[in-house]
PDB file of all heavy atoms in Angstrom:
ATOM      1  N   LEU A   1     106.781  21.696  12.931  1.00  0.00           N
ATOM      2  CA  LEU A   1     107.097  22.629  13.989  1.00  0.00           C
ATOM      3  C   LEU A   1     106.285  22.325  15.226  1.00  0.00           C
ATOM      4  O   LEU A   1     105.148  22.720  15.361  1.00  0.00           O
ATOM      5  CB  LEU A   1     106.847  24.059  13.541  1.00  0.00           C
ATOM      6  CG  LEU A   1     107.690  24.558  12.390  1.00  0.00           C
ATOM      7  CD1 LEU A   1     107.352  25.984  12.066  1.00  0.00           C
ATOM      8  CD2 LEU A   1     109.178  24.453  12.717  1.00  0.00           C
ATOM      9  N   LYS A   2     106.884  21.581  16.196  1.00  0.00           N
ATOM     10  CA  LYS A   2     106.178  21.221  17.407  1.00  0.00           C
ATOM     11  C   LYS A   2     107.088  21.513  18.591  1.00  0.00           C
ATOM     12  O   LYS A   2     107.971  20.736  18.898  1.00  0.00           O
ATOM     13  CB  LYS A   2     105.770  19.748  17.375  1.00  0.00           C
ATOM     14  CG  LYS A   2     104.986  19.320  18.607  1.00  0.00           C
ATOM     15  CD  LYS A   2     104.554  17.855  18.523  1.00  0.00           C
ATOM     16  CE  LYS A   2     103.784  17.458  19.760  1.00  0.00           C
ATOM     17  NZ  LYS A   2     103.361  16.037  19.679  1.00  0.00           N
ATOM     18  N   PRO A   3     106.887  22.636  19.281  1.00  0.00           N
ATOM     19  CA  PRO A   3     107.714  22.957  20.442  1.00  0.00           C
ATOM     20  C   PRO A   3     107.562  21.902  21.513  1.00  0.00           C
ATOM     21  O   PRO A   3     106.498  21.305  21.701  1.00  0.00           O
ATOM     22  CB  PRO A   3     107.144  24.307  20.917  1.00  0.00           C
ATOM     23  CG  PRO A   3     106.438  24.860  19.735  1.00  0.00           C
ATOM     24  CD  PRO A   3     105.914  23.687  18.988  1.00  0.00           C
ATOM     25  N   GLN A   4     108.618  21.687  22.263  1.00  0.00           N
ATOM     26  CA  GLN A   4     108.574  20.722  23.356  1.00  0.00           C
ATOM     27  C   GLN A   4     107.780  21.273  24.524  1.00  0.00           C
ATOM     28  O   GLN A   4     107.784  22.478  24.794  1.00  0.00           O
ATOM     29  CB  GLN A   4     109.977  20.386  23.834  1.00  0.00           C
ATOM     30  CG  GLN A   4     110.821  19.618  22.807  1.00  0.00           C
ATOM     31  CD  GLN A   4     112.174  19.241  23.353  1.00  0.00           C
ATOM     32  OE1 GLN A   4     112.585  19.709  24.420  1.00  0.00           O
ATOM     33  NE2 GLN A   4     112.885  18.424  22.633  1.00  0.00           N
ATOM     34  N   VAL A   5     107.051  20.403  25.215  1.00  0.00           N
ATOM     35  CA  VAL A   5     106.308  20.813  26.379  1.00  0.00           C
ATOM     36  C   VAL A   5     107.256  21.411  27.425  1.00  0.00           C
ATOM     37  O   VAL A   5     108.312  20.872  27.704  1.00  0.00           O
ATOM     38  CB  VAL A   5     105.559  19.606  26.963  1.00  0.00           C
ATOM     39  CG1 VAL A   5     104.984  19.929  28.332  1.00  0.00           C
ATOM     40  CG2 VAL A   5     104.456  19.144  26.027  1.00  0.00           C
ATOM     41  N   GLY A   6     106.887  22.528  27.981  1.00  0.00           N
ATOM     42  CA  GLY A   6     107.669  23.186  29.018  1.00  0.00           C
ATOM     43  C   GLY A   6     108.669  24.208  28.513  1.00  0.00           C
ATOM     44  O   GLY A   6     109.201  24.987  29.298  1.00  0.00           O
ATOM     45  N   ASN A   7     108.980  24.174  27.212  1.00  0.00           N
ATOM     46  CA  ASN A   7     109.898  25.170  26.665  1.00  0.00           C
ATOM     47  C   ASN A   7     109.210  26.507  26.417  1.00  0.00           C
ATOM     48  O   ASN A   7     108.048  26.562  26.035  1.00  0.00           O
ATOM     49  CB  ASN A   7     110.483  24.674  25.334  1.00  0.00           C
ATOM     50  CG  ASN A   7     111.638  23.712  25.541  1.00  0.00           C
ATOM     51  OD1 ASN A   7     112.063  23.470  26.650  1.00  0.00           O
ATOM     52  ND2 ASN A   7     112.103  23.118  24.432  1.00  0.00           N
ATOM     53  N   ASN A   8     109.939  27.591  26.635  1.00  0.00           N
ATOM     54  CA  ASN A   8     109.451  28.910  26.298  1.00  0.00           C
ATOM     55  C   ASN A   8     109.755  29.177  24.828  1.00  0.00           C
ATOM     56  O   ASN A   8     110.904  29.168  24.422  1.00  0.00           O
ATOM     57  CB  ASN A   8     110.102  29.981  27.155  1.00  0.00           C
ATOM     58  CG  ASN A   8     109.520  31.332  26.923  1.00  0.00           C
ATOM     59  OD1 ASN A   8     108.297  31.523  27.033  1.00  0.00           O
ATOM     60  ND2 ASN A   8     110.351  32.288  26.598  1.00  0.00           N
ATOM     61  N   VAL A   9     108.727  29.345  24.004  1.00  0.00           N
ATOM     62  CA  VAL A   9     108.930  29.526  22.557  1.00  0.00           C
ATOM     63  C   VAL A   9     108.211  30.787  22.118  1.00  0.00           C
ATOM     64  O   VAL A   9     107.250  31.253  22.736  1.00  0.00           O
ATOM     65  CB  VAL A   9     108.370  28.308  21.775  1.00  0.00           C
ATOM     66  CG1 VAL A   9     109.166  27.058  22.108  1.00  0.00           C
ATOM     67  CG2 VAL A   9     106.881  28.112  22.026  1.00  0.00           C
ATOM     68  N   THR A  10     108.708  31.344  21.023  1.00  0.00           N
ATOM     69  CA  THR A  10     108.061  32.506  20.420  1.00  0.00           C
ATOM     70  C   THR A  10     107.493  32.096  19.075  1.00  0.00           C
ATOM     71  O   THR A  10     107.405  30.913  18.781  1.00  0.00           O
ATOM     72  CB  THR A  10     109.043  33.683  20.322  1.00  0.00           C
ATOM     73  OG1 THR A  10     108.370  34.827  19.835  1.00  0.00           O
ATOM     74  CG2 THR A  10     110.219  33.348  19.446  1.00  0.00           C
ATOM     75  N   GLY A  11     107.055  33.087  18.278  1.00  0.00           N
ATOM     76  CA  GLY A  11     106.566  32.741  16.955  1.00  0.00           C
ATOM     77  C   GLY A  11     107.571  31.889  16.201  1.00  0.00           C
ATOM     78  O   GLY A  11     108.755  32.240  16.117  1.00  0.00           O
ATOM     79  N   GLN A  12     107.140  30.738  15.711  1.00  0.00           N
ATOM     80  CA  GLN A  12     108.095  29.775  15.144  1.00  0.00           C
ATOM     81  C   GLN A  12     108.840  30.261  13.916  1.00  0.00           C
ATOM     82  O   GLN A  12     109.789  29.642  13.478  1.00  0.00           O
ATOM     83  CB  GLN A  12     107.391  28.454  14.823  1.00  0.00           C
ATOM     84  CG  GLN A  12     107.010  27.637  16.061  1.00  0.00           C
ATOM     85  CD  GLN A  12     105.584  27.866  16.450  1.00  0.00           C
ATOM     86  OE1 GLN A  12     105.088  29.003  16.380  1.00  0.00           O
ATOM     87  NE2 GLN A  12     104.913  26.836  16.915  1.00  0.00           N
ATOM     88  N   LEU A  13     108.432  31.417  13.370  1.00  0.00           N
ATOM     89  CA  LEU A  13     109.136  31.939  12.224  1.00  0.00           C
ATOM     90  C   LEU A  13     110.279  32.870  12.606  1.00  0.00           C
ATOM     91  O   LEU A  13     111.045  33.322  11.759  1.00  0.00           O
ATOM     92  CB  LEU A  13     108.148  32.709  11.323  1.00  0.00           C
ATOM     93  CG  LEU A  13     106.985  31.861  10.773  1.00  0.00           C
ATOM     94  CD1 LEU A  13     106.082  32.706   9.915  1.00  0.00           C
ATOM     95  CD2 LEU A  13     107.485  30.664  10.010  1.00  0.00           C
ATOM     96  N   VAL A  14     110.421  33.176  13.908  1.00  0.00           N
ATOM     97  CA  VAL A  14     111.470  34.094  14.373  1.00  0.00           C
ATOM     98  C   VAL A  14     112.824  33.386  14.328  1.00  0.00           C
ATOM     99  O   VAL A  14     112.957  32.243  14.765  1.00  0.00           O
ATOM    100  CB  VAL A  14     111.185  34.590  15.790  1.00  0.00           C
ATOM    101  CG1 VAL A  14     112.357  35.433  16.318  1.00  0.00           C
ATOM    102  CG2 VAL A  14     109.909  35.408  15.820  1.00  0.00           C
ATOM    103  N   ILE A  15     113.836  34.044  13.759  1.00  0.00           N
ATOM    104  CA  ILE A  15     115.175  33.502  13.671  1.00  0.00           C
ATOM    105  C   ILE A  15     116.122  34.177  14.649  1.00  0.00           C
ATOM    106  O   ILE A  15     116.908  33.508  15.314  1.00  0.00           O
ATOM    107  CB  ILE A  15     115.706  33.611  12.223  1.00  0.00           C
ATOM    108  CG1 ILE A  15     114.832  32.752  11.295  1.00  0.00           C
ATOM    109  CG2 ILE A  15     117.168  33.192  12.148  1.00  0.00           C
ATOM    110  CD1 ILE A  15     115.183  32.902   9.828  1.00  0.00           C
ATOM    111  N   SER A  16     116.108  35.498  14.759  1.00  0.00           N
ATOM    112  CA  SER A  16     117.004  36.190  15.671  1.00  0.00           C
ATOM    113  C   SER A  16     116.317  37.441  16.200  1.00  0.00           C
ATOM    114  O   SER A  16     115.273  37.866  15.718  1.00  0.00           O
ATOM    115  CB  SER A  16     118.307  36.554  14.963  1.00  0.00           C
ATOM    116  OG  SER A  16     118.074  37.435  13.857  1.00  0.00           O
ATOM    117  N   ARG A  17     116.937  38.051  17.217  1.00  0.00           N
ATOM    118  CA  ARG A  17     116.291  39.176  17.904  1.00  0.00           C
ATOM    119  C   ARG A  17     117.250  40.385  18.036  1.00  0.00           C
ATOM    120  O   ARG A  17     118.449  40.289  17.939  1.00  0.00           O
ATOM    121  CB  ARG A  17     115.797  38.762  19.274  1.00  0.00           C
ATOM    122  CG  ARG A  17     116.893  38.321  20.245  1.00  0.00           C
ATOM    123  CD  ARG A  17     117.356  39.448  21.143  1.00  0.00           C
ATOM    124  NE  ARG A  17     118.336  39.041  22.128  1.00  0.00           N
ATOM    125  CZ  ARG A  17     119.106  39.885  22.774  1.00  0.00           C
ATOM    126  NH1 ARG A  17     119.019  41.179  22.560  1.00  0.00           N
ATOM    127  NH2 ARG A  17     119.979  39.433  23.666  1.00  0.00           N
ATOM    128  N   THR A  18     116.594  41.537  18.252  1.00  0.00           N
ATOM    129  CA  THR A  18     117.292  42.766  18.589  1.00  0.00           C
ATOM    130  C   THR A  18     116.487  43.453  19.677  1.00  0.00           C
ATOM    131  O   THR A  18     115.696  42.795  20.369  1.00  0.00           O
ATOM    132  CB  THR A  18     117.462  43.674  17.354  1.00  0.00           C
ATOM    133  OG1 THR A  18     118.245  44.806  17.670  1.00  0.00           O
ATOM    134  CG2 THR A  18     116.125  44.105  16.772  1.00  0.00           C
ATOM    135  N   THR A  19     116.673  44.753  19.879  1.00  0.00           N
ATOM    136  CA  THR A  19     115.846  45.477  20.835  1.00  0.00           C
ATOM    137  C   THR A  19     115.364  46.774  20.176  1.00  0.00           C
ATOM    138  O   THR A  19     115.980  47.289  19.247  1.00  0.00           O
ATOM    139  CB  THR A  19     116.638  45.845  22.122  1.00  0.00           C
ATOM    140  OG1 THR A  19     117.775  46.632  21.755  1.00  0.00           O
ATOM    141  CG2 THR A  19     117.081  44.614  22.837  1.00  0.00           C
ATOM    142  N   GLY A  20     114.221  47.258  20.657  1.00  0.00           N
ATOM    143  CA  GLY A  20     113.715  48.508  20.083  1.00  0.00           C
ATOM    144  C   GLY A  20     112.458  48.962  20.765  1.00  0.00           C
ATOM    145  O   GLY A  20     111.850  48.213  21.543  1.00  0.00           O
ATOM    146  N   ALA A  21     112.078  50.187  20.517  1.00  0.00           N
ATOM    147  CA  ALA A  21     110.852  50.762  21.079  1.00  0.00           C
ATOM    148  C   ALA A  21     109.647  50.370  20.239  1.00  0.00           C
ATOM    149  O   ALA A  21     109.751  50.130  19.029  1.00  0.00           O
ATOM    150  CB  ALA A  21     110.970  52.269  21.159  1.00  0.00           C
ATOM    151  N   LEU A  22     108.508  50.296  20.897  1.00  0.00           N
ATOM    152  CA  LEU A  22     107.250  50.018  20.212  1.00  0.00           C
ATOM    153  C   LEU A  22     106.437  51.297  20.185  1.00  0.00           C
ATOM    154  O   LEU A  22     106.581  52.154  21.061  1.00  0.00           O
ATOM    155  CB  LEU A  22     106.475  48.929  20.936  1.00  0.00           C
ATOM    156  CG  LEU A  22     107.173  47.577  21.087  1.00  0.00           C
ATOM    157  CD1 LEU A  22     106.301  46.627  21.892  1.00  0.00           C
ATOM    158  CD2 LEU A  22     107.550  46.992  19.754  1.00  0.00           C
ATOM    159  N   VAL A  23     105.580  51.439  19.191  1.00  0.00           N
ATOM    160  CA  VAL A  23     104.734  52.629  19.100  1.00  0.00           C
ATOM    161  C   VAL A  23     103.572  52.460  20.078  1.00  0.00           C
ATOM    162  O   VAL A  23     102.896  51.430  20.110  1.00  0.00           O
ATOM    163  CB  VAL A  23     104.188  52.793  17.661  1.00  0.00           C
ATOM    164  CG1 VAL A  23     103.250  53.982  17.576  1.00  0.00           C
ATOM    165  CG2 VAL A  23     105.332  52.918  16.675  1.00  0.00           C
ATOM    166  N   ALA A  24     103.388  53.461  20.942  1.00  0.00           N
ATOM    167  CA  ALA A  24     102.298  53.412  21.906  1.00  0.00           C
ATOM    168  C   ALA A  24     100.945  53.357  21.181  1.00  0.00           C
ATOM    169  O   ALA A  24     100.787  53.907  20.084  1.00  0.00           O
ATOM    170  CB  ALA A  24     102.366  54.607  22.831  1.00  0.00           C
ATOM    171  N   ASN A  25      99.992  52.699  21.813  1.00  0.00           N
ATOM    172  CA  ASN A  25      98.638  52.620  21.278  1.00  0.00           C
ATOM    173  C   ASN A  25      98.614  51.998  19.868  1.00  0.00           C
ATOM    174  O   ASN A  25      97.914  52.466  18.977  1.00  0.00           O
ATOM    175  CB  ASN A  25      97.973  53.980  21.288  1.00  0.00           C
ATOM    176  CG  ASN A  25      97.864  54.557  22.700  1.00  0.00           C
ATOM    177  OD1 ASN A  25      97.436  53.869  23.616  1.00  0.00           O
ATOM    178  ND2 ASN A  25      98.271  55.798  22.832  1.00  0.00           N
ATOM    179  N   THR A  26      99.412  50.948  19.719  1.00  0.00           N
ATOM    180  CA  THR A  26      99.459  50.193  18.484  1.00  0.00           C
ATOM    181  C   THR A  26      99.401  48.706  18.845  1.00  0.00           C
ATOM    182  O   THR A  26     100.163  48.229  19.680  1.00  0.00           O
ATOM    183  CB  THR A  26     100.756  50.473  17.711  1.00  0.00           C
ATOM    184  OG1 THR A  26     100.786  51.860  17.344  1.00  0.00           O
ATOM    185  CG2 THR A  26     100.883  49.616  16.473  1.00  0.00           C
TER     186      THR A  26
END
């Protein structure tokens, strides 16, 4: 797992995304 230079990458274990609220002060 070696991201290319200049690419925006997230945690390499992430497969897909959704949306949601986060708990404040966490």
